[in-house]
Amino acid sequence: MKKALIAALLLAAGSHGFAQQKPKLKHMTITLVDSHATFTVGHRANNMFITRDDTAQVQKQVDLNTHVKAKEEPAAYEQMLMRLLKPYFDEDWQLVTAAVEFVPSSNTEVFRYYLTKEE
């Protein structure tokens, strides 16, 4: 009797563990490189790098010029960054953290967004 009860409990515990599998968590990093052309010779293209956890990387050239007056620049810049990220939020990617770095030698700002998605 005890052996049958123990076997039934082990079987129930084993099947319960398989029924509640954790969803797979995917990771992605979006890096925006904003090269300010004010102090450079010629115009350098701004790039957007999308790196997934399977190490696949996509590079896109993006226009980060807001084409607005200086006093309207901060708000327009934020709107533009959100427009670039919105397609990923629409696909259920969640922002985990963000970082900004300024590289004085090249007058470049680097924005990094770390995102996750459950599948």
C-alpha atoms as a PDB file:
ATOM      1  CA  MET A   1       0.000   0.000   0.000  1.00  0.00           C
ATOM      2  CA  LYS A   2       2.781   2.404   0.974  1.00  0.00           C
ATOM      3  CA  LYS A   3       4.676   1.628  -2.226  1.00  0.00           C
ATOM      4  CA  ALA A   4       1.596   2.340  -4.347  1.00  0.00           C
ATOM      5  CA  LEU A   5       0.965   5.627  -2.529  1.00  0.00           C
ATOM      6  CA  ILE A   6       4.597   6.728  -2.921  1.00  0.00           C
ATOM      7  CA  ALA A   7       4.565   5.780  -6.605  1.00  0.00           C
ATOM      8  CA  ALA A   8       1.334   7.748  -7.150  1.00  0.00           C
ATOM      9  CA  LEU A   9       2.764  10.810  -5.377  1.00  0.00           C
ATOM     10  CA  LEU A  10       5.989  10.672  -7.391  1.00  0.00           C
ATOM     11  CA  LEU A  11       4.050  10.305 -10.614  1.00  0.00           C
ATOM     12  CA  ALA A  12       1.793  13.248  -9.739  1.00  0.00           C
ATOM     13  CA  ALA A  13       4.752  15.419  -8.716  1.00  0.00           C
ATOM     14  CA  GLY A  14       6.619  14.526 -11.908  1.00  0.00           C
ATOM     15  CA  SER A  15       3.724  15.337 -14.232  1.00  0.00           C
ATOM     16  CA  HIS A  16       3.026  18.590 -12.367  1.00  0.00           C
ATOM     17  CA  GLY A  17       6.618  19.710 -12.975  1.00  0.00           C
ATOM     18  CA  PHE A  18       6.292  19.186 -16.714  1.00  0.00           C
ATOM     19  CA  ALA A  19       2.949  20.979 -16.896  1.00  0.00           C
ATOM     20  CA  GLN A  20       4.366  24.229 -15.542  1.00  0.00           C
ATOM     21  CA  GLN A  21       7.373  24.874 -17.738  1.00  0.00           C
ATOM     22  CA  LYS A  22       8.809  28.350 -17.544  1.00  0.00           C
ATOM     23  CA  PRO A  23       8.494  30.463 -20.672  1.00  0.00           C
ATOM     24  CA  LYS A  24      11.684  31.049 -22.625  1.00  0.00           C
ATOM     25  CA  LEU A  25      13.114  34.522 -22.109  1.00  0.00           C
ATOM     26  CA  LYS A  26      14.620  36.175 -25.195  1.00  0.00           C
ATOM     27  CA  HIS A  27      17.087  39.067 -24.985  1.00  0.00           C
ATOM     28  CA  MET A  28      17.842  41.889 -27.390  1.00  0.00           C
ATOM     29  CA  THR A  29      20.071  44.961 -27.307  1.00  0.00           C
ATOM     30  CA  ILE A  30      19.359  48.025 -29.427  1.00  0.00           C
ATOM     31  CA  THR A  31      22.267  50.437 -29.776  1.00  0.00           C
ATOM     32  CA  LEU A  32      21.856  53.852 -31.380  1.00  0.00           C
ATOM     33  CA  VAL A  33      25.045  55.643 -32.379  1.00  0.00           C
ATOM     34  CA  ASP A  34      24.423  59.362 -32.844  1.00  0.00           C
ATOM     35  CA  SER A  35      27.432  61.008 -34.511  1.00  0.00           C
ATOM     36  CA  HIS A  36      27.028  64.754 -34.224  1.00  0.00           C
ATOM     37  CA  ALA A  37      28.308  66.122 -37.535  1.00  0.00           C
ATOM     38  CA  THR A  38      28.797  69.658 -36.183  1.00  0.00           C
ATOM     39  CA  PHE A  39      32.450  69.114 -35.385  1.00  0.00           C
ATOM     40  CA  THR A  40      33.295  66.568 -38.061  1.00  0.00           C
ATOM     41  CA  VAL A  41      34.281  66.871 -41.685  1.00  0.00           C
ATOM     42  CA  GLY A  42      31.363  65.700 -43.784  1.00  0.00           C
ATOM     43  CA  HIS A  43      28.295  63.932 -42.459  1.00  0.00           C
ATOM     44  CA  ARG A  44      28.565  60.547 -40.809  1.00  0.00           C
ATOM     45  CA  ALA A  45      25.546  58.308 -40.925  1.00  0.00           C
ATOM     46  CA  ASN A  46      23.911  57.469 -37.623  1.00  0.00           C
ATOM     47  CA  ASN A  47      23.493  53.780 -37.046  1.00  0.00           C
ATOM     48  CA  MET A  48      21.124  51.511 -35.189  1.00  0.00           C
ATOM     49  CA  PHE A  49      22.456  48.073 -34.217  1.00  0.00           C
ATOM     50  CA  ILE A  50      20.016  45.364 -33.156  1.00  0.00           C
ATOM     51  CA  THR A  51      21.649  42.358 -31.483  1.00  0.00           C
ATOM     52  CA  ARG A  52      19.610  39.321 -30.421  1.00  0.00           C
ATOM     53  CA  ASP A  53      20.638  36.636 -27.953  1.00  0.00           C
ATOM     54  CA  ASP A  54      21.355  34.245 -30.830  1.00  0.00           C
ATOM     55  CA  THR A  55      24.127  36.787 -31.749  1.00  0.00           C
ATOM     56  CA  ALA A  56      22.427  37.803 -34.989  1.00  0.00           C
ATOM     57  CA  GLN A  57      23.052  41.492 -35.599  1.00  0.00           C
ATOM     58  CA  VAL A  58      21.292  43.924 -37.905  1.00  0.00           C
ATOM     59  CA  GLN A  59      22.661  47.368 -38.746  1.00  0.00           C
ATOM     60  CA  LYS A  60      20.380  50.128 -40.011  1.00  0.00           C
ATOM     61  CA  GLN A  61      21.175  53.702 -40.947  1.00  0.00           C
ATOM     62  CA  VAL A  62      18.768  56.092 -39.241  1.00  0.00           C
ATOM     63  CA  ASP A  63      18.189  59.837 -39.467  1.00  0.00           C
ATOM     64  CA  LEU A  64      18.549  61.265 -35.958  1.00  0.00           C
ATOM     65  CA  ASN A  65      18.307  64.886 -37.060  1.00  0.00           C
ATOM     66  CA  THR A  66      15.154  66.340 -35.506  1.00  0.00           C
ATOM     67  CA  HIS A  67      14.892  69.239 -37.994  1.00  0.00           C
ATOM     68  CA  VAL A  68      13.468  71.583 -35.334  1.00  0.00           C
ATOM     69  CA  LYS A  69      14.481  74.803 -33.580  1.00  0.00           C
ATOM     70  CA  ALA A  70      17.015  74.516 -30.756  1.00  0.00           C
ATOM     71  CA  LYS A  71      14.455  75.187 -28.000  1.00  0.00           C
ATOM     72  CA  GLU A  72      12.233  72.353 -29.303  1.00  0.00           C
ATOM     73  CA  GLU A  73      15.140  69.931 -29.708  1.00  0.00           C
ATOM     74  CA  PRO A  74      14.969  67.940 -26.413  1.00  0.00           C
ATOM     75  CA  ALA A  75      11.284  67.009 -26.772  1.00  0.00           C
ATOM     76  CA  ALA A  76      11.643  66.241 -30.484  1.00  0.00           C
ATOM     77  CA  TYR A  77      14.697  64.075 -29.794  1.00  0.00           C
ATOM     78  CA  GLU A  78      12.815  62.018 -27.188  1.00  0.00           C
ATOM     79  CA  GLN A  79       9.873  61.551 -29.561  1.00  0.00           C
ATOM     80  CA  MET A  80      12.212  60.409 -32.316  1.00  0.00           C
ATOM     81  CA  LEU A  81      13.900  57.842 -30.038  1.00  0.00           C
ATOM     82  CA  MET A  82      10.512  56.487 -28.954  1.00  0.00           C
ATOM     83  CA  ARG A  83       9.410  56.234 -32.606  1.00  0.00           C
ATOM     84  CA  LEU A  84      12.461  54.059 -33.306  1.00  0.00           C
ATOM     85  CA  LEU A  85      11.738  51.780 -30.324  1.00  0.00           C
ATOM     86  CA  LYS A  86       7.934  51.587 -30.665  1.00  0.00           C
ATOM     87  CA  PRO A  87       7.871  48.640 -33.121  1.00  0.00           C
ATOM     88  CA  TYR A  88       9.696  46.516 -30.524  1.00  0.00           C
ATOM     89  CA  PHE A  89       7.332  47.542 -27.724  1.00  0.00           C
ATOM     90  CA  ASP A  90       4.406  46.682 -30.036  1.00  0.00           C
ATOM     91  CA  GLU A  91       5.877  43.162 -30.390  1.00  0.00           C
ATOM     92  CA  ASP A  92       5.781  42.740 -26.571  1.00  0.00           C
ATOM     93  CA  TRP A  93       9.452  43.471 -25.904  1.00  0.00           C
ATOM     94  CA  GLN A  94       9.925  44.885 -22.386  1.00  0.00           C
ATOM     95  CA  LEU A  95      12.560  47.507 -21.581  1.00  0.00           C
ATOM     96  CA  VAL A  96      14.841  46.247 -18.811  1.00  0.00           C
ATOM     97  CA  THR A  97      17.360  49.076 -18.676  1.00  0.00           C
ATOM     98  CA  ALA A  98      18.878  51.826 -20.787  1.00  0.00           C
ATOM     99  CA  ALA A  99      22.257  53.537 -20.821  1.00  0.00           C
ATOM    100  CA  VAL A 100      23.724  56.591 -22.523  1.00  0.00           C
ATOM    101  CA  GLU A 101      27.410  57.179 -23.143  1.00  0.00           C
ATOM    102  CA  PHE A 102      29.128  60.220 -24.640  1.00  0.00           C
ATOM    103  CA  VAL A 103      32.405  59.681 -26.509  1.00  0.00           C
ATOM    104  CA  PRO A 104      34.150  63.094 -26.578  1.00  0.00           C
ATOM    105  CA  SER A 105      36.907  62.106 -29.015  1.00  0.00           C
ATOM    106  CA  SER A 106      34.368  61.456 -31.782  1.00  0.00           C
ATOM    107  CA  ASN A 107      31.564  63.735 -30.506  1.00  0.00           C
ATOM    108  CA  THR A 108      29.254  60.726 -30.464  1.00  0.00           C
ATOM    109  CA  GLU A 109      26.417  59.654 -28.178  1.00  0.00           C
ATOM    110  CA  VAL A 110      25.709  55.955 -27.765  1.00  0.00           C
ATOM    111  CA  PHE A 111      22.277  54.907 -26.490  1.00  0.00           C
ATOM    112  CA  ARG A 112      21.806  51.294 -25.400  1.00  0.00           C
ATOM    113  CA  TYR A 113      18.441  49.704 -24.698  1.00  0.00           C
ATOM    114  CA  TYR A 114      18.256  46.214 -23.175  1.00  0.00           C
ATOM    115  CA  LEU A 115      14.983  44.403 -23.851  1.00  0.00           C
ATOM    116  CA  THR A 116      13.478  41.025 -22.980  1.00  0.00           C
ATOM    117  CA  LYS A 117      10.506  39.062 -24.274  1.00  0.00           C
ATOM    118  CA  GLU A 118       8.806  35.925 -22.940  1.00  0.00           C
ATOM    119  CA  GLU A 119       7.848  33.219 -25.411  1.00  0.00           C
END
